[in-house]
């Protein structure tokens, strides 16, 4: 395990986001880093497709919304 130094402003944004997303500050930072790494590796994919692929890789059964 390592230590990552970040600025106070980013840490505050992490703190706020982590409370909304029900994650620890460290888990929120790790999530942002993972998504950022995936976005850089796959620059043509939008966030929603990156997340859909990650859910599929984890074998999460996501219900589909039916058209009204």
PDB file of N, CA and C in Angstrom:
ATOM      1  N   UNK A   1       0.864  -1.178   0.000  1.00  0.00           N
ATOM      2  CA  UNK A   1       0.000   0.000   0.000  1.00  0.00           C
ATOM      3  C   UNK A   1       0.900   1.227   0.000  1.00  0.00           C
ATOM      4  N   UNK A   2       0.493   2.225  -0.735  1.00  0.00           N
ATOM      5  CA  UNK A   2       1.274   3.450  -0.817  1.00  0.00           C
ATOM      6  C   UNK A   2       0.454   4.638  -0.360  1.00  0.00           C
ATOM      7  N   UNK A   3       1.111   5.758  -0.323  1.00  0.00           N
ATOM      8  CA  UNK A   3       0.451   7.004   0.044  1.00  0.00           C
ATOM      9  C   UNK A   3       0.463   7.905  -1.180  1.00  0.00           C
ATOM     10  N   UNK A   4      -0.684   8.480  -1.484  1.00  0.00           N
ATOM     11  CA  UNK A   4      -0.806   9.407  -2.601  1.00  0.00           C
ATOM     12  C   UNK A   4      -1.087  10.782  -2.031  1.00  0.00           C
ATOM     13  N   UNK A   5      -0.256  11.755  -2.373  1.00  0.00           N
ATOM     14  CA  UNK A   5      -0.462  13.112  -1.891  1.00  0.00           C
ATOM     15  C   UNK A   5      -1.346  13.857  -2.873  1.00  0.00           C
ATOM     16  N   UNK A   6      -2.434  14.405  -2.355  1.00  0.00           N
ATOM     17  CA  UNK A   6      -3.333  15.213  -3.186  1.00  0.00           C
ATOM     18  C   UNK A   6      -3.556  16.545  -2.487  1.00  0.00           C
ATOM     19  N   UNK A   7      -3.995  17.507  -3.255  1.00  0.00           N
ATOM     20  CA  UNK A   7      -4.237  18.839  -2.704  1.00  0.00           C
ATOM     21  C   UNK A   7      -5.474  18.867  -1.812  1.00  0.00           C
ATOM     22  N   UNK A   8      -5.523  19.881  -0.984  1.00  0.00           N
ATOM     23  CA  UNK A   8      -6.637  20.040  -0.051  1.00  0.00           C
ATOM     24  C   UNK A   8      -7.980  20.196  -0.761  1.00  0.00           C
ATOM     25  N   UNK A   9      -7.997  20.917  -1.873  1.00  0.00           N
ATOM     26  CA  UNK A   9      -9.261  21.122  -2.599  1.00  0.00           C
ATOM     27  C   UNK A   9      -9.804  19.809  -3.146  1.00  0.00           C
ATOM     28  N   UNK A  10      -8.930  18.992  -3.743  1.00  0.00           N
ATOM     29  CA  UNK A  10      -9.369  17.702  -4.269  1.00  0.00           C
ATOM     30  C   UNK A  10      -9.805  16.780  -3.134  1.00  0.00           C
ATOM     31  N   UNK A  11      -9.091  16.819  -2.021  1.00  0.00           N
ATOM     32  CA  UNK A  11      -9.473  15.995  -0.869  1.00  0.00           C
ATOM     33  C   UNK A  11     -10.871  16.371  -0.380  1.00  0.00           C
ATOM     34  N   UNK A  12     -11.180  17.640  -0.369  1.00  0.00           N
ATOM     35  CA  UNK A  12     -12.514  18.084   0.054  1.00  0.00           C
ATOM     36  C   UNK A  12     -13.579  17.575  -0.913  1.00  0.00           C
ATOM     37  N   UNK A  13     -13.289  17.619  -2.214  1.00  0.00           N
ATOM     38  CA  UNK A  13     -14.240  17.092  -3.194  1.00  0.00           C
ATOM     39  C   UNK A  13     -14.415  15.586  -3.027  1.00  0.00           C
ATOM     40  N   UNK A  14     -13.326  14.884  -2.744  1.00  0.00           N
ATOM     41  CA  UNK A  14     -13.409  13.451  -2.453  1.00  0.00           C
ATOM     42  C   UNK A  14     -14.290  13.193  -1.239  1.00  0.00           C
ATOM     43  N   UNK A  15     -14.102  13.976  -0.197  1.00  0.00           N
ATOM     44  CA  UNK A  15     -14.887  13.807   1.023  1.00  0.00           C
ATOM     45  C   UNK A  15     -16.365  13.970   0.730  1.00  0.00           C
ATOM     46  N   UNK A  16     -16.713  15.027  -0.006  1.00  0.00           N
ATOM     47  CA  UNK A  16     -18.125  15.275  -0.319  1.00  0.00           C
ATOM     48  C   UNK A  16     -18.689  14.177  -1.203  1.00  0.00           C
ATOM     49  N   UNK A  17     -17.954  13.796  -2.246  1.00  0.00           N
ATOM     50  CA  UNK A  17     -18.433  12.757  -3.157  1.00  0.00           C
ATOM     51  C   UNK A  17     -18.570  11.417  -2.443  1.00  0.00           C
ATOM     52  N   UNK A  18     -17.644  11.124  -1.549  1.00  0.00           N
ATOM     53  CA  UNK A  18     -17.697   9.836  -0.853  1.00  0.00           C
ATOM     54  C   UNK A  18     -18.936   9.721   0.021  1.00  0.00           C
ATOM     55  N   UNK A  19     -19.376  10.818   0.602  1.00  0.00           N
ATOM     56  CA  UNK A  19     -20.581  10.751   1.434  1.00  0.00           C
ATOM     57  C   UNK A  19     -21.824  10.542   0.580  1.00  0.00           C
ATOM     58  N   UNK A  20     -21.860  11.135  -0.590  1.00  0.00           N
ATOM     59  CA  UNK A  20     -23.000  10.950  -1.495  1.00  0.00           C
ATOM     60  C   UNK A  20     -23.028   9.517  -2.032  1.00  0.00           C
ATOM     61  N   UNK A  21     -21.860   8.984  -2.357  1.00  0.00           N
ATOM     62  CA  UNK A  21     -21.771   7.664  -2.970  1.00  0.00           C
ATOM     63  C   UNK A  21     -21.665   6.532  -1.949  1.00  0.00           C
ATOM     64  N   UNK A  22     -21.721   6.869  -0.659  1.00  0.00           N
ATOM     65  CA  UNK A  22     -21.641   5.858   0.425  1.00  0.00           C
ATOM     66  C   UNK A  22     -20.355   5.040   0.340  1.00  0.00           C
ATOM     67  N   UNK A  23     -19.258   5.737   0.090  1.00  0.00           N
ATOM     68  CA  UNK A  23     -17.943   5.110   0.047  1.00  0.00           C
ATOM     69  C   UNK A  23     -17.037   5.828   1.037  1.00  0.00           C
ATOM     70  N   UNK A  24     -15.977   5.153   1.439  1.00  0.00           N
ATOM     71  CA  UNK A  24     -14.955   5.838   2.215  1.00  0.00           C
ATOM     72  C   UNK A  24     -14.233   6.806   1.281  1.00  0.00           C
ATOM     73  N   UNK A  25     -13.511   7.737   1.853  1.00  0.00           N
ATOM     74  CA  UNK A  25     -12.738   8.676   1.034  1.00  0.00           C
ATOM     75  C   UNK A  25     -11.729   7.911   0.185  1.00  0.00           C
ATOM     76  N   UNK A  26     -11.069   6.914   0.782  1.00  0.00           N
ATOM     77  CA  UNK A  26     -10.094   6.128   0.024  1.00  0.00           C
ATOM     78  C   UNK A  26     -10.761   5.339  -1.101  1.00  0.00           C
ATOM     79  N   UNK A  27     -11.930   4.754  -0.826  1.00  0.00           N
ATOM     80  CA  UNK A  27     -12.640   4.000  -1.867  1.00  0.00           C
ATOM     81  C   UNK A  27     -13.079   4.919  -2.998  1.00  0.00           C
ATOM     82  N   UNK A  28     -13.501   6.141  -2.672  1.00  0.00           N
ATOM     83  CA  UNK A  28     -13.904   7.090  -3.707  1.00  0.00           C
ATOM     84  C   UNK A  28     -12.706   7.480  -4.567  1.00  0.00           C
ATOM     85  N   UNK A  29     -11.571   7.732  -3.934  1.00  0.00           N
ATOM     86  CA  UNK A  29     -10.357   8.074  -4.682  1.00  0.00           C
ATOM     87  C   UNK A  29      -9.954   6.912  -5.582  1.00  0.00           C
ATOM     88  N   UNK A  30     -10.015   5.703  -5.059  1.00  0.00           N
ATOM     89  CA  UNK A  30      -9.666   4.529  -5.849  1.00  0.00           C
ATOM     90  C   UNK A  30     -10.622   4.369  -7.033  1.00  0.00           C
ATOM     91  N   UNK A  31     -11.907   4.606  -6.822  1.00  0.00           N
ATOM     92  CA  UNK A  31     -12.893   4.527  -7.898  1.00  0.00           C
ATOM     93  C   UNK A  31     -12.566   5.541  -8.988  1.00  0.00           C
ATOM     94  N   UNK A  32     -12.325   6.790  -8.595  1.00  0.00           N
ATOM     95  CA  UNK A  32     -12.000   7.824  -9.579  1.00  0.00           C
ATOM     96  C   UNK A  32     -10.732   7.466 -10.354  1.00  0.00           C
ATOM     97  N   UNK A  33      -9.727   6.920  -9.661  1.00  0.00           N
ATOM     98  CA  UNK A  33      -8.487   6.553 -10.342  1.00  0.00           C
ATOM     99  C   UNK A  33      -8.725   5.420 -11.331  1.00  0.00           C
ATOM    100  N   UNK A  34      -9.511   4.425 -10.930  1.00  0.00           N
ATOM    101  CA  UNK A  34      -9.778   3.293 -11.819  1.00  0.00           C
ATOM    102  C   UNK A  34     -10.559   3.751 -13.046  1.00  0.00           C
ATOM    103  N   UNK A  35     -11.602   4.546 -12.844  1.00  0.00           N
ATOM    104  CA  UNK A  35     -12.393   5.027 -13.971  1.00  0.00           C
ATOM    105  C   UNK A  35     -11.537   5.912 -14.880  1.00  0.00           C
ATOM    106  N   UNK A  36     -10.720   6.749 -14.295  1.00  0.00           N
ATOM    107  CA  UNK A  36      -9.829   7.600 -15.090  1.00  0.00           C
ATOM    108  C   UNK A  36      -8.849   6.784 -15.910  1.00  0.00           C
ATOM    109  N   UNK A  37      -8.290   5.726 -15.319  1.00  0.00           N
ATOM    110  CA  UNK A  37      -7.368   4.861 -16.033  1.00  0.00           C
ATOM    111  C   UNK A  37      -8.084   4.166 -17.190  1.00  0.00           C
ATOM    112  N   UNK A  38      -9.301   3.670 -16.941  1.00  0.00           N
ATOM    113  CA  UNK A  38     -10.073   3.023 -17.994  1.00  0.00           C
ATOM    114  C   UNK A  38     -10.437   4.011 -19.101  1.00  0.00           C
ATOM    115  N   UNK A  39     -10.777   5.241 -18.719  1.00  0.00           N
ATOM    116  CA  UNK A  39     -11.120   6.263 -19.716  1.00  0.00           C
ATOM    117  C   UNK A  39      -9.912   6.614 -20.585  1.00  0.00           C
ATOM    118  N   UNK A  40      -8.743   6.709 -19.983  1.00  0.00           N
ATOM    119  CA  UNK A  40      -7.536   6.998 -20.763  1.00  0.00           C
ATOM    120  C   UNK A  40      -7.200   5.841 -21.701  1.00  0.00           C
ATOM    121  N   UNK A  41      -7.414   4.606 -21.247  1.00  0.00           N
ATOM    122  CA  UNK A  41      -7.110   3.436 -22.067  1.00  0.00           C
ATOM    123  C   UNK A  41      -8.142   3.223 -23.173  1.00  0.00           C
ATOM    124  N   UNK A  42      -9.338   3.783 -22.990  1.00  0.00           N
ATOM    125  CA  UNK A  42     -10.436   3.609 -23.944  1.00  0.00           C
ATOM    126  C   UNK A  42     -11.067   4.962 -24.250  1.00  0.00           C
ATOM    127  N   UNK A  43     -10.340   5.850 -24.913  1.00  0.00           N
ATOM    128  CA  UNK A  43     -10.796   7.234 -25.063  1.00  0.00           C
ATOM    129  C   UNK A  43     -12.070   7.415 -25.886  1.00  0.00           C
ATOM    130  N   UNK A  44     -12.469   6.408 -26.643  1.00  0.00           N
ATOM    131  CA  UNK A  44     -13.690   6.554 -27.443  1.00  0.00           C
ATOM    132  C   UNK A  44     -14.942   6.109 -26.697  1.00  0.00           C
ATOM    133  N   UNK A  45     -14.782   5.488 -25.526  1.00  0.00           N
ATOM    134  CA  UNK A  45     -15.942   5.006 -24.780  1.00  0.00           C
ATOM    135  C   UNK A  45     -16.442   6.060 -23.798  1.00  0.00           C
ATOM    136  N   UNK A  46     -17.744   6.305 -23.775  1.00  0.00           N
ATOM    137  CA  UNK A  46     -18.296   7.203 -22.759  1.00  0.00           C
ATOM    138  C   UNK A  46     -18.327   6.501 -21.399  1.00  0.00           C
ATOM    139  N   UNK A  47     -18.456   7.311 -20.371  1.00  0.00           N
ATOM    140  CA  UNK A  47     -18.487   6.801 -18.988  1.00  0.00           C
ATOM    141  C   UNK A  47     -19.506   5.683 -18.827  1.00  0.00           C
ATOM    142  N   UNK A  48     -20.710   5.856 -19.369  1.00  0.00           N
ATOM    143  CA  UNK A  48     -21.761   4.852 -19.175  1.00  0.00           C
ATOM    144  C   UNK A  48     -21.357   3.497 -19.769  1.00  0.00           C
ATOM    145  N   UNK A  49     -20.663   3.499 -20.894  1.00  0.00           N
ATOM    146  CA  UNK A  49     -20.220   2.232 -21.478  1.00  0.00           C
ATOM    147  C   UNK A  49     -19.090   1.612 -20.661  1.00  0.00           C
ATOM    148  N   UNK A  50     -18.210   2.432 -20.136  1.00  0.00           N
ATOM    149  CA  UNK A  50     -17.136   1.921 -19.275  1.00  0.00           C
ATOM    150  C   UNK A  50     -17.748   1.248 -18.056  1.00  0.00           C
ATOM    151  N   UNK A  51     -18.723   1.908 -17.439  1.00  0.00           N
ATOM    152  CA  UNK A  51     -19.347   1.330 -16.242  1.00  0.00           C
ATOM    153  C   UNK A  51     -20.149   0.081 -16.587  1.00  0.00           C
ATOM    154  N   UNK A  52     -20.849   0.079 -17.715  1.00  0.00           N
ATOM    155  CA  UNK A  52     -21.614  -1.101 -18.128  1.00  0.00           C
ATOM    156  C   UNK A  52     -20.678  -2.293 -18.326  1.00  0.00           C
ATOM    157  N   UNK A  53     -19.521  -2.052 -18.934  1.00  0.00           N
ATOM    158  CA  UNK A  53     -18.565  -3.131 -19.148  1.00  0.00           C
ATOM    159  C   UNK A  53     -18.007  -3.640 -17.822  1.00  0.00           C
ATOM    160  N   UNK A  54     -17.722  -2.743 -16.893  1.00  0.00           N
ATOM    161  CA  UNK A  54     -17.211  -3.160 -15.586  1.00  0.00           C
ATOM    162  C   UNK A  54     -18.244  -3.990 -14.828  1.00  0.00           C
ATOM    163  N   UNK A  55     -19.514  -3.587 -14.899  1.00  0.00           N
ATOM    164  CA  UNK A  55     -20.580  -4.358 -14.255  1.00  0.00           C
ATOM    165  C   UNK A  55     -20.704  -5.738 -14.900  1.00  0.00           C
ATOM    166  N   UNK A  56     -20.611  -5.789 -16.216  1.00  0.00           N
ATOM    167  CA  UNK A  56     -20.676  -7.067 -16.921  1.00  0.00           C
ATOM    168  C   UNK A  56     -19.505  -7.959 -16.524  1.00  0.00           C
ATOM    169  N   UNK A  57     -18.305  -7.379 -16.453  1.00  0.00           N
ATOM    170  CA  UNK A  57     -17.121  -8.148 -16.055  1.00  0.00           C
ATOM    171  C   UNK A  57     -17.256  -8.718 -14.648  1.00  0.00           C
ATOM    172  N   UNK A  58     -17.988  -8.007 -13.788  1.00  0.00           N
ATOM    173  CA  UNK A  58     -18.199  -8.466 -12.411  1.00  0.00           C
ATOM    174  C   UNK A  58     -19.420  -9.375 -12.307  1.00  0.00           C
ATOM    175  N   UNK A  59     -20.039  -9.682 -13.442  1.00  0.00           N
ATOM    176  CA  UNK A  59     -21.223 -10.545 -13.511  1.00  0.00           C
ATOM    177  C   UNK A  59     -22.396  -9.990 -12.701  1.00  0.00           C
ATOM    178  N   UNK A  60     -22.529  -8.664 -12.723  1.00  0.00           N
ATOM    179  CA  UNK A  60     -23.664  -8.007 -12.066  1.00  0.00           C
ATOM    180  C   UNK A  60     -24.831  -8.024 -13.030  1.00  0.00           C
ATOM    181  N   UNK A  61     -25.976  -8.496 -12.577  1.00  0.00           N
ATOM    182  CA  UNK A  61     -27.176  -8.555 -13.404  1.00  0.00           C
ATOM    183  C   UNK A  61     -27.899  -7.217 -13.291  1.00  0.00           C
ATOM    184  N   UNK A  62     -27.792  -6.409 -14.310  1.00  0.00           N
ATOM    185  CA  UNK A  62     -28.396  -5.083 -14.323  1.00  0.00           C
ATOM    186  C   UNK A  62     -29.749  -5.177 -15.029  1.00  0.00           C
ATOM    187  N   UNK A  63     -30.839  -4.818 -14.332  1.00  0.00           N
ATOM    188  CA  UNK A  63     -32.143  -4.883 -14.995  1.00  0.00           C
ATOM    189  C   UNK A  63     -32.244  -3.828 -16.093  1.00  0.00           C
ATOM    190  N   UNK A  64     -32.914  -4.173 -17.150  1.00  0.00           N
ATOM    191  CA  UNK A  64     -33.131  -3.247 -18.273  1.00  0.00           C
ATOM    192  C   UNK A  64     -34.440  -2.511 -18.084  1.00  0.00           C
ATOM    193  N   UNK A  65     -34.454  -1.242 -18.421  1.00  0.00           N
ATOM    194  CA  UNK A  65     -35.668  -0.430 -18.350  1.00  0.00           C
ATOM    195  C   UNK A  65     -36.443  -0.624 -19.642  1.00  0.00           C
ATOM    196  N   UNK A  66     -37.699  -0.969 -19.484  1.00  0.00           N
ATOM    197  CA  UNK A  66     -38.534  -1.165 -20.663  1.00  0.00           C
ATOM    198  C   UNK A  66     -39.085   0.153 -21.131  1.00  0.00           C
ATOM    199  N   UNK A  67     -39.215   0.301 -22.450  1.00  0.00           N
ATOM    200  CA  UNK A  67     -39.766   1.525 -23.024  1.00  0.00           C
ATOM    201  C   UNK A  67     -41.245   1.650 -22.654  1.00  0.00           C
ATOM    202  N   UNK A  68     -41.669   2.875 -22.398  1.00  0.00           N
ATOM    203  CA  UNK A  68     -43.055   3.108 -21.996  1.00  0.00           C
ATOM    204  C   UNK A  68     -44.005   3.055 -23.152  1.00  0.00           C
TER     205      UNK A  68
END
